[in-house]
Amino acid sequence: MSDFPRDLSGLSSPELVRLLLDATNPPPTTDAERAEFFDFKARVFATLAHRDENPAASRFAARARADRDRLLSQIEDQRGGGL
């Protein structure tokens, strides 16, 4: 379980950016940590996109979700596949 907050709605844009920067110190080292980071990054950018109606933030959120999904698939493959 990560230490990233679940509810981002009450945070200001600068607070969200600070949390995202803090999440890289120390940088995630395992695939699982990186997947958690990309999930958090996607949620931060989705919050910014929704709040500010920012299409660039929407693209960053989509990219972070794709990175997270790629890592989760890689983790599952390393564990011997699916069902």
PDB file of N, CA and C in Angstrom:
ATOM      1  N   MET A   1       0.849  -1.177   0.000  1.00  0.00           N
ATOM      2  CA  MET A   1       0.000   0.000   0.000  1.00  0.00           C
ATOM      3  C   MET A   1       0.892   1.236   0.000  1.00  0.00           C
ATOM      4  N   SER A   2       0.584   2.140  -0.851  1.00  0.00           N
ATOM      5  CA  SER A   2       1.414   3.337  -0.963  1.00  0.00           C
ATOM      6  C   SER A   2       1.008   4.385   0.063  1.00  0.00           C
ATOM      7  N   ASP A   3       1.871   5.368   0.214  1.00  0.00           N
ATOM      8  CA  ASP A   3       1.592   6.483   1.114  1.00  0.00           C
ATOM      9  C   ASP A   3       0.936   7.642   0.381  1.00  0.00           C
ATOM     10  N   PHE A   4       0.608   7.459  -0.886  1.00  0.00           N
ATOM     11  CA  PHE A   4      -0.005   8.536  -1.657  1.00  0.00           C
ATOM     12  C   PHE A   4      -1.441   8.746  -1.185  1.00  0.00           C
ATOM     13  N   PRO A   5      -1.855  10.002  -1.025  1.00  0.00           N
ATOM     14  CA  PRO A   5      -3.228  10.256  -0.581  1.00  0.00           C
ATOM     15  C   PRO A   5      -4.239   9.805  -1.625  1.00  0.00           C
ATOM     16  N   ARG A   6      -5.382   9.297  -1.170  1.00  0.00           N
ATOM     17  CA  ARG A   6      -6.435   8.858  -2.089  1.00  0.00           C
ATOM     18  C   ARG A   6      -7.268  10.050  -2.560  1.00  0.00           C
ATOM     19  N   ASP A   7      -7.639  10.930  -1.657  1.00  0.00           N
ATOM     20  CA  ASP A   7      -8.509  12.054  -2.012  1.00  0.00           C
ATOM     21  C   ASP A   7      -7.651  13.282  -2.294  1.00  0.00           C
ATOM     22  N   LEU A   8      -7.657  13.700  -3.544  1.00  0.00           N
ATOM     23  CA  LEU A   8      -6.857  14.858  -3.951  1.00  0.00           C
ATOM     24  C   LEU A   8      -7.708  16.111  -4.130  1.00  0.00           C
ATOM     25  N   SER A   9      -9.012  15.980  -3.964  1.00  0.00           N
ATOM     26  CA  SER A   9      -9.926  17.071  -4.303  1.00  0.00           C
ATOM     27  C   SER A   9      -9.726  18.327  -3.461  1.00  0.00           C
ATOM     28  N   GLY A  10      -9.276  18.190  -2.238  1.00  0.00           N
ATOM     29  CA  GLY A  10      -9.125  19.353  -1.375  1.00  0.00           C
ATOM     30  C   GLY A  10      -7.786  20.060  -1.487  1.00  0.00           C
ATOM     31  N   LEU A  11      -6.928  19.572  -2.361  1.00  0.00           N
ATOM     32  CA  LEU A  11      -5.590  20.152  -2.485  1.00  0.00           C
ATOM     33  C   LEU A  11      -5.539  21.179  -3.612  1.00  0.00           C
ATOM     34  N   SER A  12      -4.752  22.213  -3.395  1.00  0.00           N
ATOM     35  CA  SER A  12      -4.567  23.227  -4.435  1.00  0.00           C
ATOM     36  C   SER A  12      -3.652  22.675  -5.523  1.00  0.00           C
ATOM     37  N   SER A  13      -3.626  23.343  -6.656  1.00  0.00           N
ATOM     38  CA  SER A  13      -2.739  22.923  -7.751  1.00  0.00           C
ATOM     39  C   SER A  13      -1.278  22.897  -7.313  1.00  0.00           C
ATOM     40  N   PRO A  14      -0.780  23.933  -6.615  1.00  0.00           N
ATOM     41  CA  PRO A  14       0.612  23.864  -6.150  1.00  0.00           C
ATOM     42  C   PRO A  14       0.855  22.704  -5.175  1.00  0.00           C
ATOM     43  N   GLU A  15      -0.125  22.404  -4.327  1.00  0.00           N
ATOM     44  CA  GLU A  15       0.030  21.277  -3.402  1.00  0.00           C
ATOM     45  C   GLU A  15       0.104  19.950  -4.163  1.00  0.00           C
ATOM     46  N   LEU A  16      -0.698  19.830  -5.218  1.00  0.00           N
ATOM     47  CA  LEU A  16      -0.662  18.616  -6.033  1.00  0.00           C
ATOM     48  C   LEU A  16       0.698  18.442  -6.695  1.00  0.00           C
ATOM     49  N   VAL A  17       1.218  19.528  -7.240  1.00  0.00           N
ATOM     50  CA  VAL A  17       2.526  19.467  -7.894  1.00  0.00           C
ATOM     51  C   VAL A  17       3.606  19.117  -6.875  1.00  0.00           C
ATOM     52  N   ARG A  18       3.537  19.691  -5.688  1.00  0.00           N
ATOM     53  CA  ARG A  18       4.517  19.394  -4.640  1.00  0.00           C
ATOM     54  C   ARG A  18       4.462  17.912  -4.260  1.00  0.00           C
ATOM     55  N   LEU A  19       3.253  17.366  -4.116  1.00  0.00           N
ATOM     56  CA  LEU A  19       3.120  15.942  -3.794  1.00  0.00           C
ATOM     57  C   LEU A  19       3.721  15.067  -4.891  1.00  0.00           C
ATOM     58  N   LEU A  20       3.484  15.459  -6.137  1.00  0.00           N
ATOM     59  CA  LEU A  20       4.027  14.689  -7.255  1.00  0.00           C
ATOM     60  C   LEU A  20       5.552  14.727  -7.251  1.00  0.00           C
ATOM     61  N   LEU A  21       6.107  15.901  -6.998  1.00  0.00           N
ATOM     62  CA  LEU A  21       7.568  16.011  -6.925  1.00  0.00           C
ATOM     63  C   LEU A  21       8.125  15.220  -5.742  1.00  0.00           C
ATOM     64  N   ASP A  22       7.443  15.289  -4.616  1.00  0.00           N
ATOM     65  CA  ASP A  22       7.885  14.539  -3.435  1.00  0.00           C
ATOM     66  C   ASP A  22       7.844  13.031  -3.675  1.00  0.00           C
ATOM     67  N   ALA A  23       6.933  12.592  -4.534  1.00  0.00           N
ATOM     68  CA  ALA A  23       6.792  11.159  -4.813  1.00  0.00           C
ATOM     69  C   ALA A  23       7.990  10.597  -5.562  1.00  0.00           C
ATOM     70  N   THR A  24       8.836  11.461  -6.082  1.00  0.00           N
ATOM     71  CA  THR A  24      10.018  10.992  -6.813  1.00  0.00           C
ATOM     72  C   THR A  24      11.279  11.019  -5.954  1.00  0.00           C
ATOM     73  N   ASN A  25      11.134  11.313  -4.668  1.00  0.00           N
ATOM     74  CA  ASN A  25      12.281  11.395  -3.781  1.00  0.00           C
ATOM     75  C   ASN A  25      12.029  10.542  -2.539  1.00  0.00           C
ATOM     76  N   PRO A  26      12.604   9.379  -2.446  1.00  0.00           N
ATOM     77  CA  PRO A  26      13.500   8.743  -3.415  1.00  0.00           C
ATOM     78  C   PRO A  26      12.696   8.201  -4.590  1.00  0.00           C
ATOM     79  N   PRO A  27      13.343   8.027  -5.718  1.00  0.00           N
ATOM     80  CA  PRO A  27      12.622   7.534  -6.892  1.00  0.00           C
ATOM     81  C   PRO A  27      12.157   6.091  -6.685  1.00  0.00           C
ATOM     82  N   PRO A  28      11.013   5.749  -7.265  1.00  0.00           N
ATOM     83  CA  PRO A  28      10.561   4.360  -7.162  1.00  0.00           C
ATOM     84  C   PRO A  28      11.565   3.433  -7.852  1.00  0.00           C
ATOM     85  N   THR A  29      11.841   2.293  -7.230  1.00  0.00           N
ATOM     86  CA  THR A  29      12.887   1.417  -7.769  1.00  0.00           C
ATOM     87  C   THR A  29      12.353   0.103  -8.327  1.00  0.00           C
ATOM     88  N   THR A  30      11.259  -0.392  -7.791  1.00  0.00           N
ATOM     89  CA  THR A  30      10.712  -1.655  -8.292  1.00  0.00           C
ATOM     90  C   THR A  30       9.585  -1.369  -9.275  1.00  0.00           C
ATOM     91  N   ASP A  31       9.237  -2.380 -10.065  1.00  0.00           N
ATOM     92  CA  ASP A  31       8.115  -2.214 -10.992  1.00  0.00           C
ATOM     93  C   ASP A  31       6.824  -1.899 -10.235  1.00  0.00           C
ATOM     94  N   ALA A  32       6.619  -2.540  -9.090  1.00  0.00           N
ATOM     95  CA  ALA A  32       5.413  -2.283  -8.301  1.00  0.00           C
ATOM     96  C   ALA A  32       5.389  -0.839  -7.801  1.00  0.00           C
ATOM     97  N   GLU A  33       6.521  -0.340  -7.325  1.00  0.00           N
ATOM     98  CA  GLU A  33       6.591   1.057  -6.872  1.00  0.00           C
ATOM     99  C   GLU A  33       6.360   2.015  -8.032  1.00  0.00           C
ATOM    100  N   ARG A  34       6.916   1.684  -9.194  1.00  0.00           N
ATOM    101  CA  ARG A  34       6.713   2.542 -10.365  1.00  0.00           C
ATOM    102  C   ARG A  34       5.246   2.531 -10.794  1.00  0.00           C
ATOM    103  N   ALA A  35       4.599   1.371 -10.731  1.00  0.00           N
ATOM    104  CA  ALA A  35       3.175   1.295 -11.078  1.00  0.00           C
ATOM    105  C   ALA A  35       2.348   2.154 -10.124  1.00  0.00           C
ATOM    106  N   GLU A  36       2.655   2.088  -8.833  1.00  0.00           N
ATOM    107  CA  GLU A  36       1.955   2.934  -7.856  1.00  0.00           C
ATOM    108  C   GLU A  36       2.200   4.410  -8.144  1.00  0.00           C
ATOM    109  N   PHE A  37       3.437   4.752  -8.488  1.00  0.00           N
ATOM    110  CA  PHE A  37       3.754   6.141  -8.802  1.00  0.00           C
ATOM    111  C   PHE A  37       2.954   6.613 -10.019  1.00  0.00           C
ATOM    112  N   PHE A  38       2.923   5.802 -11.085  1.00  0.00           N
ATOM    113  CA  PHE A  38       2.193   6.214 -12.281  1.00  0.00           C
ATOM    114  C   PHE A  38       0.695   6.300 -12.022  1.00  0.00           C
ATOM    115  N   ASP A  39       0.172   5.453 -11.132  1.00  0.00           N
ATOM    116  CA  ASP A  39      -1.234   5.565 -10.753  1.00  0.00           C
ATOM    117  C   ASP A  39      -1.475   6.903 -10.057  1.00  0.00           C
ATOM    118  N   PHE A  40      -0.591   7.247  -9.131  1.00  0.00           N
ATOM    119  CA  PHE A  40      -0.712   8.527  -8.427  1.00  0.00           C
ATOM    120  C   PHE A  40      -0.568   9.698  -9.398  1.00  0.00           C
ATOM    121  N   LYS A  41       0.412   9.610 -10.289  1.00  0.00           N
ATOM    122  CA  LYS A  41       0.625  10.670 -11.278  1.00  0.00           C
ATOM    123  C   LYS A  41      -0.623  10.852 -12.137  1.00  0.00           C
ATOM    124  N   ALA A  42      -1.238   9.757 -12.548  1.00  0.00           N
ATOM    125  CA  ALA A  42      -2.462   9.837 -13.352  1.00  0.00           C
ATOM    126  C   ALA A  42      -3.572  10.537 -12.573  1.00  0.00           C
ATOM    127  N   ARG A  43      -3.698  10.207 -11.287  1.00  0.00           N
ATOM    128  CA  ARG A  43      -4.743  10.844 -10.482  1.00  0.00           C
ATOM    129  C   ARG A  43      -4.479  12.330 -10.282  1.00  0.00           C
ATOM    130  N   VAL A  44      -3.213  12.705 -10.095  1.00  0.00           N
ATOM    131  CA  VAL A  44      -2.867  14.123  -9.947  1.00  0.00           C
ATOM    132  C   VAL A  44      -3.231  14.882 -11.218  1.00  0.00           C
ATOM    133  N   PHE A  45      -2.793  14.371 -12.369  1.00  0.00           N
ATOM    134  CA  PHE A  45      -3.067  15.082 -13.616  1.00  0.00           C
ATOM    135  C   PHE A  45      -4.547  15.053 -13.981  1.00  0.00           C
ATOM    136  N   ALA A  46      -5.249  13.979 -13.647  1.00  0.00           N
ATOM    137  CA  ALA A  46      -6.691  13.946 -13.895  1.00  0.00           C
ATOM    138  C   ALA A  46      -7.399  14.998 -13.045  1.00  0.00           C
ATOM    139  N   THR A  47      -6.947  15.158 -11.813  1.00  0.00           N
ATOM    140  CA  THR A  47      -7.520  16.194 -10.943  1.00  0.00           C
ATOM    141  C   THR A  47      -7.260  17.579 -11.518  1.00  0.00           C
ATOM    142  N   LEU A  48      -6.035  17.820 -11.950  1.00  0.00           N
ATOM    143  CA  LEU A  48      -5.702  19.117 -12.557  1.00  0.00           C
ATOM    144  C   LEU A  48      -6.491  19.340 -13.845  1.00  0.00           C
ATOM    145  N   ALA A  49      -6.633  18.302 -14.650  1.00  0.00           N
ATOM    146  CA  ALA A  49      -7.370  18.424 -15.914  1.00  0.00           C
ATOM    147  C   ALA A  49      -8.824  18.773 -15.653  1.00  0.00           C
ATOM    148  N   HIS A  50      -9.417  18.101 -14.677  1.00  0.00           N
ATOM    149  CA  HIS A  50     -10.822  18.359 -14.362  1.00  0.00           C
ATOM    150  C   HIS A  50     -11.011  19.756 -13.777  1.00  0.00           C
ATOM    151  N   ARG A  51     -10.155  20.107 -12.860  1.00  0.00           N
ATOM    152  CA  ARG A  51     -10.276  21.386 -12.163  1.00  0.00           C
ATOM    153  C   ARG A  51     -10.037  22.569 -13.100  1.00  0.00           C
ATOM    154  N   ASP A  52      -9.014  22.468 -13.927  1.00  0.00           N
ATOM    155  CA  ASP A  52      -8.607  23.597 -14.768  1.00  0.00           C
ATOM    156  C   ASP A  52      -9.054  23.463 -16.218  1.00  0.00           C
ATOM    157  N   GLU A  53      -9.797  22.380 -16.523  1.00  0.00           N
ATOM    158  CA  GLU A  53     -10.195  22.095 -17.906  1.00  0.00           C
ATOM    159  C   GLU A  53      -8.980  22.199 -18.825  1.00  0.00           C
ATOM    160  N   ASN A  54      -7.941  21.479 -18.458  1.00  0.00           N
ATOM    161  CA  ASN A  54      -6.645  21.558 -19.119  1.00  0.00           C
ATOM    162  C   ASN A  54      -6.421  20.314 -19.979  1.00  0.00           C
ATOM    163  N   PRO A  55      -6.461  20.456 -21.315  1.00  0.00           N
ATOM    164  CA  PRO A  55      -6.278  19.279 -22.176  1.00  0.00           C
ATOM    165  C   PRO A  55      -4.880  18.666 -22.073  1.00  0.00           C
ATOM    166  N   ALA A  56      -3.872  19.468 -21.804  1.00  0.00           N
ATOM    167  CA  ALA A  56      -2.517  18.919 -21.650  1.00  0.00           C
ATOM    168  C   ALA A  56      -2.460  18.014 -20.421  1.00  0.00           C
ATOM    169  N   ALA A  57      -3.084  18.427 -19.339  1.00  0.00           N
ATOM    170  CA  ALA A  57      -3.112  17.597 -18.132  1.00  0.00           C
ATOM    171  C   ALA A  57      -3.866  16.296 -18.397  1.00  0.00           C
ATOM    172  N   SER A  58      -4.902  16.350 -19.222  1.00  0.00           N
ATOM    173  CA  SER A  58      -5.628  15.130 -19.601  1.00  0.00           C
ATOM    174  C   SER A  58      -4.721  14.166 -20.351  1.00  0.00           C
ATOM    175  N   ARG A  59      -3.911  14.682 -21.243  1.00  0.00           N
ATOM    176  CA  ARG A  59      -2.975  13.835 -21.991  1.00  0.00           C
ATOM    177  C   ARG A  59      -1.928  13.224 -21.061  1.00  0.00           C
ATOM    178  N   PHE A  60      -1.422  14.021 -20.122  1.00  0.00           N
ATOM    179  CA  PHE A  60      -0.444  13.496 -19.161  1.00  0.00           C
ATOM    180  C   PHE A  60      -1.065  12.402 -18.293  1.00  0.00           C
ATOM    181  N   ALA A  61      -2.322  12.592 -17.894  1.00  0.00           N
ATOM    182  CA  ALA A  61      -3.011  11.570 -17.098  1.00  0.00           C
ATOM    183  C   ALA A  61      -3.163  10.281 -17.900  1.00  0.00           C
ATOM    184  N   ALA A  62      -3.542  10.404 -19.165  1.00  0.00           N
ATOM    185  CA  ALA A  62      -3.705   9.218 -20.013  1.00  0.00           C
ATOM    186  C   ALA A  62      -2.378   8.490 -20.192  1.00  0.00           C
ATOM    187  N   ARG A  63      -1.324   9.240 -20.383  1.00  0.00           N
ATOM    188  CA  ARG A  63      -0.002   8.624 -20.552  1.00  0.00           C
ATOM    189  C   ARG A  63       0.437   7.902 -19.272  1.00  0.00           C
ATOM    190  N   ALA A  64       0.187   8.521 -18.130  1.00  0.00           N
ATOM    191  CA  ALA A  64       0.549   7.889 -16.857  1.00  0.00           C
ATOM    192  C   ALA A  64      -0.259   6.607 -16.640  1.00  0.00           C
ATOM    193  N   ARG A  65      -1.548   6.622 -17.012  1.00  0.00           N
ATOM    194  CA  ARG A  65      -2.356   5.403 -16.900  1.00  0.00           C
ATOM    195  C   ARG A  65      -1.808   4.303 -17.808  1.00  0.00           C
ATOM    196  N   ALA A  66      -1.404   4.681 -19.022  1.00  0.00           N
ATOM    197  CA  ALA A  66      -0.829   3.700 -19.953  1.00  0.00           C
ATOM    198  C   ALA A  66       0.471   3.125 -19.389  1.00  0.00           C
ATOM    199  N   ASP A  67       1.300   3.973 -18.802  1.00  0.00           N
ATOM    200  CA  ASP A  67       2.549   3.500 -18.186  1.00  0.00           C
ATOM    201  C   ASP A  67       2.254   2.555 -17.026  1.00  0.00           C
ATOM    202  N   ARG A  68       1.262   2.916 -16.213  1.00  0.00           N
ATOM    203  CA  ARG A  68       0.869   2.057 -15.086  1.00  0.00           C
ATOM    204  C   ARG A  68       0.384   0.698 -15.594  1.00  0.00           C
ATOM    205  N   ASP A  69      -0.480   0.726 -16.602  1.00  0.00           N
ATOM    206  CA  ASP A  69      -1.026  -0.524 -17.136  1.00  0.00           C
ATOM    207  C   ASP A  69       0.068  -1.402 -17.743  1.00  0.00           C
ATOM    208  N   ARG A  70       1.019  -0.779 -18.426  1.00  0.00           N
ATOM    209  CA  ARG A  70       2.139  -1.526 -19.005  1.00  0.00           C
ATOM    210  C   ARG A  70       2.945  -2.214 -17.904  1.00  0.00           C
ATOM    211  N   LEU A  71       3.217  -1.486 -16.828  1.00  0.00           N
ATOM    212  CA  LEU A  71       3.979  -2.065 -15.721  1.00  0.00           C
ATOM    213  C   LEU A  71       3.201  -3.175 -15.022  1.00  0.00           C
ATOM    214  N   LEU A  72       1.907  -2.980 -14.824  1.00  0.00           N
ATOM    215  CA  LEU A  72       1.104  -4.019 -14.180  1.00  0.00           C
ATOM    216  C   LEU A  72       1.066  -5.284 -15.031  1.00  0.00           C
ATOM    217  N   SER A  73       0.975  -5.116 -16.337  1.00  0.00           N
ATOM    218  CA  SER A  73       1.008  -6.266 -17.244  1.00  0.00           C
ATOM    219  C   SER A  73       2.356  -6.975 -17.169  1.00  0.00           C
ATOM    220  N   GLN A  74       3.405  -6.198 -17.112  1.00  0.00           N
ATOM    221  CA  GLN A  74       4.756  -6.756 -17.002  1.00  0.00           C
ATOM    222  C   GLN A  74       4.915  -7.535 -15.697  1.00  0.00           C
ATOM    223  N   ILE A  75       4.389  -6.996 -14.611  1.00  0.00           N
ATOM    224  CA  ILE A  75       4.456  -7.675 -13.308  1.00  0.00           C
ATOM    225  C   ILE A  75       3.695  -8.996 -13.376  1.00  0.00           C
ATOM    226  N   GLU A  76       2.517  -8.967 -13.969  1.00  0.00           N
ATOM    227  CA  GLU A  76       1.724 -10.193 -14.077  1.00  0.00           C
ATOM    228  C   GLU A  76       2.437 -11.239 -14.931  1.00  0.00           C
ATOM    229  N   ASP A  77       3.041 -10.805 -16.018  1.00  0.00           N
ATOM    230  CA  ASP A  77       3.793 -11.734 -16.870  1.00  0.00           C
ATOM    231  C   ASP A  77       4.947 -12.372 -16.102  1.00  0.00           C
ATOM    232  N   GLN A  78       5.622 -11.594 -15.272  1.00  0.00           N
ATOM    233  CA  GLN A  78       6.749 -12.113 -14.490  1.00  0.00           C
ATOM    234  C   GLN A  78       6.290 -13.120 -13.440  1.00  0.00           C
ATOM    235  N   ARG A  79       5.053 -12.975 -13.013  1.00  0.00           N
ATOM    236  CA  ARG A  79       4.509 -13.890 -11.995  1.00  0.00           C
ATOM    237  C   ARG A  79       3.894 -15.141 -12.618  1.00  0.00           C
ATOM    238  N   GLY A  80       3.985 -15.261 -13.916  1.00  0.00           N
ATOM    239  CA  GLY A  80       3.487 -16.477 -14.551  1.00  0.00           C
ATOM    240  C   GLY A  80       2.154 -16.316 -15.248  1.00  0.00           C
ATOM    241  N   GLY A  81       1.767 -15.108 -15.526  1.00  0.00           N
ATOM    242  CA  GLY A  81       0.552 -14.891 -16.304  1.00  0.00           C
ATOM    243  C   GLY A  81      -0.677 -14.710 -15.452  1.00  0.00           C
ATOM    244  N   GLY A  82      -1.775 -14.806 -16.135  1.00  0.00           N
ATOM    245  CA  GLY A  82      -3.067 -14.478 -15.536  1.00  0.00           C
ATOM    246  C   GLY A  82      -3.704 -15.610 -14.767  1.00  0.00           C
ATOM    247  N   LEU A  83      -4.876 -15.941 -15.148  1.00  0.00           N
ATOM    248  CA  LEU A  83      -5.752 -16.828 -14.420  1.00  0.00           C
ATOM    249  C   LEU A  83      -5.186 -18.191 -14.390  1.00  0.00           C
TER     250      LEU A  83
END
